[in-house]
N, C-alpha and C. Protein backbone atom coordinates (compact mmCIF):
# COMPACT_ATOMS: atom_id res chain seq x y z
N MET A 1 -16.33 20.78 -36.17
CA MET A 1 -15.97 20.50 -36.83
C MET A 1 -14.56 21.18 -35.68
N PRO A 2 -13.28 20.18 -35.75
CA PRO A 2 -12.10 20.39 -34.95
C PRO A 2 -11.41 21.65 -36.15
N ALA A 3 -10.52 22.13 -35.79
CA ALA A 3 -9.41 22.69 -35.88
C ALA A 3 -8.91 22.71 -37.24
N ALA A 4 -8.52 22.91 -38.20
CA ALA A 4 -8.02 22.91 -39.51
C ALA A 4 -6.84 23.42 -39.26
N VAL A 5 -5.36 22.91 -40.66
CA VAL A 5 -4.72 23.68 -40.41
C VAL A 5 -4.78 24.06 -42.30
N GLU A 6 -4.81 25.66 -42.82
CA GLU A 6 -4.39 25.58 -44.35
C GLU A 6 -2.91 25.26 -44.23
N SER A 7 -1.58 24.24 -44.69
CA SER A 7 -0.56 23.65 -44.89
C SER A 7 0.11 24.92 -45.05
N ASP A 8 -0.53 26.05 -46.88
CA ASP A 8 0.76 26.91 -47.05
C ASP A 8 0.61 28.12 -46.52
N LEU A 9 -0.24 27.98 -45.29
CA LEU A 9 -0.37 28.86 -44.40
C LEU A 9 0.97 29.04 -43.42
N CYS A 10 0.73 28.42 -43.38
CA CYS A 10 1.47 27.42 -41.82
C CYS A 10 3.15 28.35 -42.02
N VAL A 11 2.93 28.38 -41.11
CA VAL A 11 5.38 28.66 -41.07
C VAL A 11 6.12 28.24 -40.30
N GLY A 12 5.04 27.16 -39.53
CA GLY A 12 5.89 26.03 -38.79
C GLY A 12 7.06 26.63 -37.01
N CYS A 13 5.81 27.65 -36.61
CA CYS A 13 6.28 28.15 -35.76
C CYS A 13 6.52 27.53 -34.18
N GLU A 14 5.46 26.30 -34.52
CA GLU A 14 4.79 26.20 -33.36
C GLU A 14 4.33 26.40 -32.26
N THR A 15 3.67 27.86 -32.12
CA THR A 15 3.55 28.31 -31.06
C THR A 15 2.10 27.43 -30.75
N CYS A 16 1.48 26.94 -31.28
CA CYS A 16 0.50 26.05 -31.40
C CYS A 16 0.76 24.98 -30.74
N VAL A 17 1.26 23.63 -31.44
CA VAL A 17 1.63 22.94 -30.02
C VAL A 17 2.07 23.47 -28.34
N ASP A 18 2.09 24.55 -28.70
CA ASP A 18 3.06 24.56 -27.17
C ASP A 18 1.67 25.29 -26.28
N GLU A 19 0.68 26.33 -27.04
CA GLU A 19 0.03 26.50 -26.65
C GLU A 19 -1.63 25.70 -26.85
N CYS A 20 -1.66 25.01 -27.19
CA CYS A 20 -2.74 24.04 -27.37
C CYS A 20 -3.38 22.62 -26.17
N PRO A 21 -4.71 23.50 -25.31
CA PRO A 21 -4.57 22.56 -23.72
C PRO A 21 -4.93 21.45 -24.46
N ALA A 22 -5.20 20.55 -25.33
CA ALA A 22 -5.50 19.89 -25.41
C ALA A 22 -4.33 18.98 -25.57
N GLU A 23 -3.30 19.46 -26.24
CA GLU A 23 -2.46 18.71 -26.91
C GLU A 23 -3.07 17.93 -27.34
N ALA A 24 -3.23 18.54 -28.69
CA ALA A 24 -3.99 18.59 -29.68
C ALA A 24 -3.13 18.35 -31.58
N ILE A 25 -2.13 19.30 -31.08
CA ILE A 25 -1.75 19.88 -32.50
C ILE A 25 0.15 19.08 -32.04
N THR A 26 0.36 18.63 -32.86
CA THR A 26 1.83 18.33 -33.29
C THR A 26 1.89 18.65 -34.39
N MET A 27 4.01 18.15 -35.08
CA MET A 27 4.09 18.99 -36.12
C MET A 27 5.13 18.00 -37.05
N GLU A 28 4.46 17.73 -38.43
CA GLU A 28 5.15 16.96 -39.57
C GLU A 28 5.21 17.06 -40.57
N ASP A 29 6.49 16.99 -40.48
CA ASP A 29 7.30 17.87 -41.67
C ASP A 29 7.11 19.82 -42.08
N GLY A 30 7.21 19.75 -40.41
CA GLY A 30 7.76 21.45 -40.19
C GLY A 30 6.18 21.94 -40.23
N ILE A 31 5.43 21.47 -40.34
CA ILE A 31 3.85 21.81 -40.37
C ILE A 31 3.13 21.01 -39.21
N ALA A 32 2.36 22.34 -38.79
CA ALA A 32 0.74 21.99 -37.94
C ALA A 32 0.16 21.08 -38.28
N LYS A 33 -0.08 20.18 -37.83
CA LYS A 33 -1.23 18.66 -37.96
C LYS A 33 -1.70 18.73 -36.01
N VAL A 34 -3.34 18.30 -37.15
CA VAL A 34 -4.75 18.80 -35.72
C VAL A 34 -4.85 17.16 -35.82
N ASN A 35 -4.63 16.83 -34.42
CA ASN A 35 -5.35 15.18 -34.15
C ASN A 35 -6.21 15.52 -33.74
N LYS A 36 -7.26 15.86 -34.52
CA LYS A 36 -9.07 15.74 -35.17
C LYS A 36 -10.27 15.78 -33.68
N GLU A 37 -9.34 13.92 -32.70
CA GLU A 37 -10.28 13.11 -31.68
C GLU A 37 -9.57 13.80 -30.66
N LYS A 38 -8.05 14.64 -30.78
CA LYS A 38 -8.89 15.07 -29.05
C LYS A 38 -8.82 16.63 -28.90
N CYS A 39 -9.00 17.36 -31.14
CA CYS A 39 -9.65 18.55 -30.77
C CYS A 39 -10.46 18.67 -30.05
N THR A 40 -11.07 19.33 -28.81
CA THR A 40 -12.05 20.37 -28.44
C THR A 40 -12.83 21.75 -28.73
N GLU A 41 -12.11 21.99 -29.97
CA GLU A 41 -12.68 23.38 -30.73
C GLU A 41 -12.53 24.88 -29.80
N CYS A 42 -11.51 25.23 -29.10
CA CYS A 42 -11.34 25.92 -28.26
C CYS A 42 -11.62 26.74 -28.89
N LYS A 43 -10.58 27.29 -29.74
CA LYS A 43 -10.24 28.43 -30.56
C LYS A 43 -9.35 28.67 -30.46
N THR A 44 -8.41 28.78 -29.42
CA THR A 44 -6.92 28.94 -28.83
C THR A 44 -5.98 29.29 -29.46
N CYS A 45 -5.52 28.19 -30.86
CA CYS A 45 -5.12 27.88 -31.93
C CYS A 45 -5.26 28.64 -32.69
N VAL A 46 -6.95 28.94 -33.29
CA VAL A 46 -7.02 29.88 -34.03
C VAL A 46 -6.51 31.82 -33.45
N ASP A 47 -6.68 32.00 -31.94
CA ASP A 47 -6.32 33.04 -32.08
C ASP A 47 -5.32 32.78 -31.45
N ILE A 48 -3.91 32.49 -31.34
CA ILE A 48 -2.60 32.82 -31.25
C ILE A 48 -2.20 32.73 -32.26
N CYS A 49 -1.80 31.84 -33.87
CA CYS A 49 -1.15 31.80 -34.80
C CYS A 49 -1.54 33.01 -35.44
N PRO A 50 0.24 33.08 -34.94
CA PRO A 50 0.58 34.17 -36.09
C PRO A 50 0.12 34.84 -37.84
N SER A 51 0.02 32.97 -38.19
CA SER A 51 -0.26 33.55 -40.18
C SER A 51 -1.61 32.96 -40.68
N ALA A 52 -2.32 33.20 -39.06
CA ALA A 52 -3.96 32.83 -39.27
C ALA A 52 -4.29 31.60 -40.42
N ALA A 53 -3.34 29.90 -39.71
CA ALA A 53 -3.31 29.76 -40.54
C ALA A 53 -4.27 28.20 -40.09
N ILE A 54 -4.66 28.86 -39.24
CA ILE A 54 -5.70 27.54 -39.02
C ILE A 54 -7.08 28.37 -38.55
N HIS A 55 -8.18 26.97 -38.48
CA HIS A 55 -9.42 27.50 -38.06
C HIS A 55 -10.19 26.51 -37.70
N VAL A 56 -11.38 27.28 -37.13
CA VAL A 56 -12.29 26.08 -36.75
C VAL A 56 -13.59 26.79 -36.65
N ASN A 57 -14.52 26.01 -37.93
CA ASN A 57 -16.05 25.93 -38.03
C ASN A 57 -15.77 27.39 -39.03
N GLY A 58 -15.11 27.90 -40.03
CA GLY A 58 -14.60 29.15 -40.79
C GLY A 58 -14.42 30.17 -40.12
N THR A 59 -13.65 30.13 -38.73
CA THR A 59 -13.32 31.84 -38.04
C THR A 59 -11.55 31.29 -38.78
């Protein structure tokens, strides 16, 4: 299951956009959005998100 962003927790810092090795995350209206087709489920975004807004497989 690709990464998912909880929009109510996302602070729009763009850290995940910069760190995603698959370039699967973009910003839309100040909220991170994951391209599910590009996401490799590496969990880099989960580990670096300062607001714990991103989850992969319930992590």
